[in-house]
Amino acid sequence: GLQVLMRVKFSIRHYIRTRSTVPSIFAQRVALHPDKPALVEDFSELDRRSNAVAQSGDVVAIFMESRPLMVALWLGLAKVGVEPAFINFNLRRDSLMHCVGVSGAKGMVFGAELLD
């Protein structure tokens, strides 16, 4: 356990020192392990999905229950400079409308489980 913790700590220091971003770290992992499972999909499939998400400069609200697809959405948004606005999936009516309005989102991705 200590060895894993030290390896993670060293990696984090390296990423901070080299000013690495989440998308650049992800791209490195894709290059090293393109067919290795990531979450419930392989890295190349996650890369393909995340490349199809949004345009640079957009704010996109994400309103869904926590699940692996959220990671693909977040990575795809980050790759093109889009800021995700994670909206609490427990919100309804006025609170939901307020949060979406304040976020300035140009679009919204929501889970089908929240259609009610």
N, C-alpha and C. Protein backbone atom coordinates (compact mmCIF):
# COMPACT_ATOMS: atom_id res chain seq x y z
N GLY A 1 0.79 -1.18 0.00
CA GLY A 1 0.00 0.00 0.00
C GLY A 1 0.85 1.26 0.00
N LEU A 2 1.92 1.28 0.81
CA LEU A 2 2.78 2.46 0.88
C LEU A 2 3.48 2.70 -0.45
N GLN A 3 3.87 1.63 -1.12
CA GLN A 3 4.55 1.77 -2.41
C GLN A 3 3.62 2.42 -3.44
N VAL A 4 2.37 2.01 -3.48
CA VAL A 4 1.40 2.61 -4.40
C VAL A 4 1.19 4.08 -4.07
N LEU A 5 1.05 4.39 -2.78
CA LEU A 5 0.87 5.78 -2.35
C LEU A 5 2.05 6.65 -2.76
N MET A 6 3.25 6.16 -2.58
CA MET A 6 4.45 6.93 -2.96
C MET A 6 4.53 7.13 -4.47
N ARG A 7 4.15 6.11 -5.23
CA ARG A 7 4.15 6.22 -6.69
C ARG A 7 3.14 7.28 -7.15
N VAL A 8 1.96 7.29 -6.55
CA VAL A 8 0.95 8.29 -6.88
C VAL A 8 1.44 9.68 -6.52
N LYS A 9 2.02 9.82 -5.34
CA LYS A 9 2.53 11.12 -4.89
C LYS A 9 3.61 11.63 -5.84
N PHE A 10 4.53 10.76 -6.27
CA PHE A 10 5.58 11.14 -7.22
C PHE A 10 4.97 11.57 -8.55
N SER A 11 3.97 10.82 -9.02
CA SER A 11 3.32 11.16 -10.29
C SER A 11 2.64 12.52 -10.22
N ILE A 12 1.96 12.79 -9.13
CA ILE A 12 1.27 14.07 -8.97
C ILE A 12 2.27 15.21 -8.96
N ARG A 13 3.37 15.06 -8.24
CA ARG A 13 4.41 16.10 -8.23
C ARG A 13 4.96 16.34 -9.63
N HIS A 14 5.19 15.25 -10.37
CA HIS A 14 5.69 15.37 -11.74
C HIS A 14 4.70 16.15 -12.61
N TYR A 15 3.41 15.82 -12.52
CA TYR A 15 2.40 16.50 -13.33
C TYR A 15 2.29 17.97 -12.97
N ILE A 16 2.40 18.29 -11.70
CA ILE A 16 2.37 19.69 -11.27
C ILE A 16 3.60 20.43 -11.79
N ARG A 17 4.76 19.82 -11.65
CA ARG A 17 6.01 20.44 -12.09
C ARG A 17 6.02 20.68 -13.61
N THR A 18 5.46 19.77 -14.37
CA THR A 18 5.45 19.90 -15.83
C THR A 18 4.19 20.61 -16.34
N ARG A 19 3.38 21.10 -15.41
CA ARG A 19 2.14 21.81 -15.73
C ARG A 19 1.24 21.00 -16.68
N SER A 20 1.18 19.72 -16.43
CA SER A 20 0.34 18.83 -17.23
C SER A 20 -1.13 19.09 -16.93
N THR A 21 -1.95 18.96 -17.94
CA THR A 21 -3.40 19.09 -17.78
C THR A 21 -4.03 17.71 -17.79
N VAL A 22 -5.26 17.62 -17.34
CA VAL A 22 -5.96 16.34 -17.36
C VAL A 22 -6.03 15.79 -18.79
N PRO A 23 -6.39 16.61 -19.79
CA PRO A 23 -6.41 16.07 -21.16
C PRO A 23 -5.05 15.57 -21.64
N SER A 24 -3.96 16.26 -21.28
CA SER A 24 -2.64 15.80 -21.73
C SER A 24 -2.24 14.50 -21.03
N ILE A 25 -2.56 14.39 -19.75
CA ILE A 25 -2.28 13.15 -19.02
C ILE A 25 -3.12 12.01 -19.62
N PHE A 26 -4.37 12.31 -19.92
CA PHE A 26 -5.24 11.31 -20.53
C PHE A 26 -4.69 10.86 -21.88
N ALA A 27 -4.23 11.81 -22.70
CA ALA A 27 -3.66 11.48 -24.01
C ALA A 27 -2.44 10.56 -23.86
N GLN A 28 -1.63 10.80 -22.84
CA GLN A 28 -0.48 9.92 -22.59
C GLN A 28 -0.95 8.50 -22.27
N ARG A 29 -1.98 8.40 -21.44
CA ARG A 29 -2.51 7.08 -21.09
C ARG A 29 -3.09 6.39 -22.32
N VAL A 30 -3.77 7.16 -23.18
CA VAL A 30 -4.32 6.59 -24.42
C VAL A 30 -3.20 6.03 -25.28
N ALA A 31 -2.10 6.79 -25.40
CA ALA A 31 -0.96 6.34 -26.21
C ALA A 31 -0.32 5.08 -25.62
N LEU A 32 -0.20 5.03 -24.31
CA LEU A 32 0.42 3.87 -23.67
C LEU A 32 -0.48 2.63 -23.67
N HIS A 33 -1.78 2.86 -23.50
CA HIS A 33 -2.72 1.74 -23.33
C HIS A 33 -3.98 1.95 -24.17
N PRO A 34 -3.88 2.04 -25.50
CA PRO A 34 -5.07 2.37 -26.30
C PRO A 34 -6.19 1.34 -26.21
N ASP A 35 -5.89 0.10 -25.94
CA ASP A 35 -6.92 -0.94 -25.90
C ASP A 35 -7.18 -1.49 -24.50
N LYS A 36 -6.51 -0.92 -23.52
CA LYS A 36 -6.69 -1.38 -22.14
C LYS A 36 -8.00 -0.82 -21.60
N PRO A 37 -8.77 -1.61 -20.85
CA PRO A 37 -10.03 -1.11 -20.29
C PRO A 37 -9.83 0.12 -19.40
N ALA A 38 -10.69 1.10 -19.58
CA ALA A 38 -10.72 2.31 -18.75
C ALA A 38 -12.16 2.47 -18.30
N LEU A 39 -12.39 2.42 -17.03
CA LEU A 39 -13.75 2.41 -16.51
C LEU A 39 -14.45 1.18 -17.07
N VAL A 40 -15.49 1.38 -17.88
CA VAL A 40 -16.17 0.24 -18.48
C VAL A 40 -15.90 0.16 -19.98
N GLU A 41 -15.07 1.05 -20.51
CA GLU A 41 -14.73 1.08 -21.92
C GLU A 41 -13.21 1.07 -22.06
N ASP A 42 -12.73 0.74 -23.25
CA ASP A 42 -11.29 0.84 -23.44
C ASP A 42 -10.94 2.31 -23.71
N PHE A 43 -9.65 2.64 -23.59
CA PHE A 43 -9.21 4.02 -23.73
C PHE A 43 -9.55 4.60 -25.11
N SER A 44 -9.41 3.80 -26.17
CA SER A 44 -9.67 4.34 -27.51
C SER A 44 -11.15 4.68 -27.68
N GLU A 45 -12.06 3.88 -27.11
CA GLU A 45 -13.49 4.20 -27.18
C GLU A 45 -13.81 5.44 -26.35
N LEU A 46 -13.22 5.54 -25.16
CA LEU A 46 -13.41 6.73 -24.33
C LEU A 46 -12.87 7.96 -25.04
N ASP A 47 -11.73 7.82 -25.71
CA ASP A 47 -11.14 8.91 -26.48
C ASP A 47 -12.07 9.33 -27.62
N ARG A 48 -12.63 8.36 -28.35
CA ARG A 48 -13.55 8.66 -29.45
C ARG A 48 -14.78 9.40 -28.94
N ARG A 49 -15.37 8.92 -27.85
CA ARG A 49 -16.55 9.58 -27.29
C ARG A 49 -16.25 10.99 -26.80
N SER A 50 -15.12 11.13 -26.12
CA SER A 50 -14.79 12.44 -25.56
C SER A 50 -14.44 13.46 -26.64
N ASN A 51 -13.99 13.00 -27.82
CA ASN A 51 -13.68 13.91 -28.92
C ASN A 51 -14.93 14.48 -29.57
N ALA A 52 -16.09 13.89 -29.32
CA ALA A 52 -17.32 14.29 -29.99
C ALA A 52 -18.23 15.14 -29.11
N VAL A 53 -17.71 15.80 -28.10
CA VAL A 53 -18.57 16.42 -27.10
C VAL A 53 -18.96 17.87 -27.36
N ALA A 54 -18.03 18.82 -27.54
CA ALA A 54 -18.40 20.24 -27.58
C ALA A 54 -17.37 21.07 -28.33
N GLN A 55 -17.62 22.38 -28.41
CA GLN A 55 -16.74 23.33 -29.09
C GLN A 55 -16.00 24.20 -28.08
N SER A 56 -14.84 24.69 -28.46
CA SER A 56 -14.04 25.54 -27.58
C SER A 56 -14.81 26.80 -27.20
N GLY A 57 -14.70 27.19 -25.94
CA GLY A 57 -15.35 28.40 -25.45
C GLY A 57 -16.74 28.19 -24.90
N ASP A 58 -17.31 27.03 -25.08
CA ASP A 58 -18.66 26.76 -24.60
C ASP A 58 -18.65 26.40 -23.12
N VAL A 59 -19.78 26.65 -22.48
CA VAL A 59 -20.06 26.10 -21.15
C VAL A 59 -21.21 25.13 -21.37
N VAL A 60 -21.05 23.93 -20.90
CA VAL A 60 -22.08 22.91 -21.06
C VAL A 60 -22.46 22.38 -19.69
N ALA A 61 -23.75 22.41 -19.39
CA ALA A 61 -24.25 21.87 -18.13
C ALA A 61 -24.37 20.36 -18.24
N ILE A 62 -23.94 19.67 -17.20
CA ILE A 62 -24.08 18.21 -17.14
C ILE A 62 -25.00 17.89 -15.97
N PHE A 63 -26.15 17.33 -16.30
CA PHE A 63 -27.19 17.05 -15.32
C PHE A 63 -27.56 15.57 -15.43
N MET A 64 -26.87 14.75 -14.67
CA MET A 64 -27.13 13.31 -14.68
C MET A 64 -26.60 12.69 -13.41
N GLU A 65 -27.09 11.50 -13.13
CA GLU A 65 -26.56 10.76 -11.99
C GLU A 65 -25.13 10.35 -12.30
N SER A 66 -24.34 10.15 -11.26
CA SER A 66 -22.94 9.76 -11.44
C SER A 66 -22.85 8.41 -12.14
N ARG A 67 -22.07 8.38 -13.23
CA ARG A 67 -21.83 7.15 -13.97
C ARG A 67 -20.63 7.34 -14.88
N PRO A 68 -20.08 6.27 -15.44
CA PRO A 68 -18.87 6.37 -16.26
C PRO A 68 -18.98 7.34 -17.44
N LEU A 69 -20.15 7.50 -18.03
CA LEU A 69 -20.31 8.42 -19.15
C LEU A 69 -19.93 9.84 -18.76
N MET A 70 -20.13 10.20 -17.49
CA MET A 70 -19.76 11.55 -17.04
C MET A 70 -18.27 11.80 -17.23
N VAL A 71 -17.45 10.78 -17.06
CA VAL A 71 -16.00 10.94 -17.24
C VAL A 71 -15.69 11.24 -18.70
N ALA A 72 -16.33 10.52 -19.64
CA ALA A 72 -16.11 10.77 -21.06
C ALA A 72 -16.55 12.19 -21.43
N LEU A 73 -17.68 12.62 -20.89
CA LEU A 73 -18.16 13.98 -21.16
C LEU A 73 -17.18 15.02 -20.62
N TRP A 74 -16.75 14.84 -19.39
CA TRP A 74 -15.82 15.79 -18.77
C TRP A 74 -14.52 15.86 -19.55
N LEU A 75 -13.95 14.71 -19.92
CA LEU A 75 -12.70 14.69 -20.69
C LEU A 75 -12.87 15.36 -22.05
N GLY A 76 -13.96 15.05 -22.72
CA GLY A 76 -14.21 15.66 -24.03
C GLY A 76 -14.35 17.16 -23.94
N LEU A 77 -15.04 17.63 -22.93
CA LEU A 77 -15.19 19.07 -22.74
C LEU A 77 -13.84 19.72 -22.45
N ALA A 78 -13.05 19.09 -21.59
CA ALA A 78 -11.74 19.64 -21.22
C ALA A 78 -10.79 19.67 -22.42
N LYS A 79 -10.87 18.69 -23.29
CA LYS A 79 -9.98 18.62 -24.45
C LYS A 79 -10.11 19.82 -25.37
N VAL A 80 -11.31 20.35 -25.48
CA VAL A 80 -11.53 21.47 -26.40
C VAL A 80 -11.70 22.79 -25.67
N GLY A 81 -11.36 22.81 -24.40
CA GLY A 81 -11.42 24.06 -23.65
C GLY A 81 -12.80 24.46 -23.18
N VAL A 82 -13.71 23.50 -23.14
CA VAL A 82 -15.08 23.77 -22.68
C VAL A 82 -15.14 23.56 -21.18
N GLU A 83 -15.83 24.46 -20.52
CA GLU A 83 -15.98 24.36 -19.07
C GLU A 83 -17.26 23.61 -18.73
N PRO A 84 -17.15 22.48 -18.04
CA PRO A 84 -18.36 21.77 -17.64
C PRO A 84 -18.98 22.42 -16.40
N ALA A 85 -20.28 22.52 -16.40
CA ALA A 85 -21.00 23.00 -15.22
C ALA A 85 -21.78 21.80 -14.68
N PHE A 86 -21.22 21.15 -13.67
CA PHE A 86 -21.88 19.98 -13.10
C PHE A 86 -23.05 20.44 -12.23
N ILE A 87 -24.25 20.03 -12.61
CA ILE A 87 -25.47 20.42 -11.91
C ILE A 87 -25.92 19.25 -11.04
N ASN A 88 -26.18 19.52 -9.78
CA ASN A 88 -26.63 18.50 -8.83
C ASN A 88 -27.90 17.83 -9.35
N PHE A 89 -27.85 16.51 -9.52
CA PHE A 89 -28.99 15.80 -10.10
C PHE A 89 -30.19 15.70 -9.17
N ASN A 90 -30.06 16.16 -7.93
CA ASN A 90 -31.19 16.18 -7.00
C ASN A 90 -32.03 17.44 -7.12
N LEU A 91 -31.56 18.43 -7.87
CA LEU A 91 -32.29 19.69 -8.00
C LEU A 91 -33.51 19.53 -8.90
N ARG A 92 -34.55 20.30 -8.62
CA ARG A 92 -35.77 20.31 -9.43
C ARG A 92 -36.29 21.74 -9.51
N ARG A 93 -37.11 22.00 -10.48
CA ARG A 93 -37.85 23.24 -10.70
C ARG A 93 -37.00 24.50 -10.57
N ASP A 94 -37.36 25.40 -9.65
CA ASP A 94 -36.71 26.71 -9.56
C ASP A 94 -35.21 26.61 -9.26
N SER A 95 -34.84 25.70 -8.36
CA SER A 95 -33.41 25.55 -8.02
C SER A 95 -32.62 25.08 -9.23
N LEU A 96 -33.18 24.15 -9.98
CA LEU A 96 -32.52 23.65 -11.19
C LEU A 96 -32.38 24.76 -12.22
N MET A 97 -33.45 25.49 -12.46
CA MET A 97 -33.41 26.58 -13.44
C MET A 97 -32.42 27.66 -13.04
N HIS A 98 -32.36 27.96 -11.75
CA HIS A 98 -31.41 28.96 -11.27
C HIS A 98 -29.97 28.52 -11.55
N CYS A 99 -29.64 27.30 -11.19
CA CYS A 99 -28.26 26.81 -11.38
C CYS A 99 -27.87 26.77 -12.85
N VAL A 100 -28.77 26.32 -13.71
CA VAL A 100 -28.48 26.29 -15.15
C VAL A 100 -28.31 27.72 -15.67
N GLY A 101 -29.17 28.63 -15.23
CA GLY A 101 -29.07 30.02 -15.67
C GLY A 101 -27.78 30.68 -15.23
N VAL A 102 -27.39 30.48 -13.98
CA VAL A 102 -26.17 31.08 -13.44
C VAL A 102 -24.93 30.51 -14.13
N SER A 103 -24.99 29.26 -14.55
CA SER A 103 -23.83 28.62 -15.19
C SER A 103 -23.49 29.25 -16.53
N GLY A 104 -24.47 29.85 -17.19
CA GLY A 104 -24.24 30.41 -18.52
C GLY A 104 -24.07 29.34 -19.58
N ALA A 105 -24.58 28.16 -19.33
CA ALA A 105 -24.41 27.03 -20.25
C ALA A 105 -25.11 27.29 -21.58
N LYS A 106 -24.40 26.95 -22.66
CA LYS A 106 -24.97 27.04 -24.00
C LYS A 106 -25.68 25.75 -24.39
N GLY A 107 -25.46 24.73 -23.60
CA GLY A 107 -26.08 23.44 -23.86
C GLY A 107 -26.15 22.64 -22.58
N MET A 108 -26.89 21.55 -22.64
CA MET A 108 -27.02 20.69 -21.47
C MET A 108 -27.01 19.24 -21.91
N VAL A 109 -26.30 18.43 -21.16
CA VAL A 109 -26.34 16.99 -21.32
C VAL A 109 -27.04 16.46 -20.09
N PHE A 110 -28.09 15.67 -20.29
CA PHE A 110 -28.78 15.14 -19.12
C PHE A 110 -29.05 13.66 -19.31
N GLY A 111 -29.14 12.97 -18.19
CA GLY A 111 -29.41 11.55 -18.21
C GLY A 111 -30.89 11.28 -18.40
N ALA A 112 -31.22 10.25 -19.17
CA ALA A 112 -32.61 9.89 -19.42
C ALA A 112 -33.35 9.56 -18.12
N GLU A 113 -32.61 9.14 -17.10
CA GLU A 113 -33.23 8.82 -15.82
C GLU A 113 -33.83 10.05 -15.14
N LEU A 114 -33.50 11.24 -15.62
CA LEU A 114 -33.99 12.48 -15.00
C LEU A 114 -35.08 13.16 -15.82
N LEU A 115 -35.71 12.46 -16.75
CA LEU A 115 -36.73 13.06 -17.61
C LEU A 115 -38.00 13.46 -16.87
N ASP A 116 -38.28 12.89 -15.72
CA ASP A 116 -39.52 13.20 -14.98
C ASP A 116 -39.62 14.63 -14.59
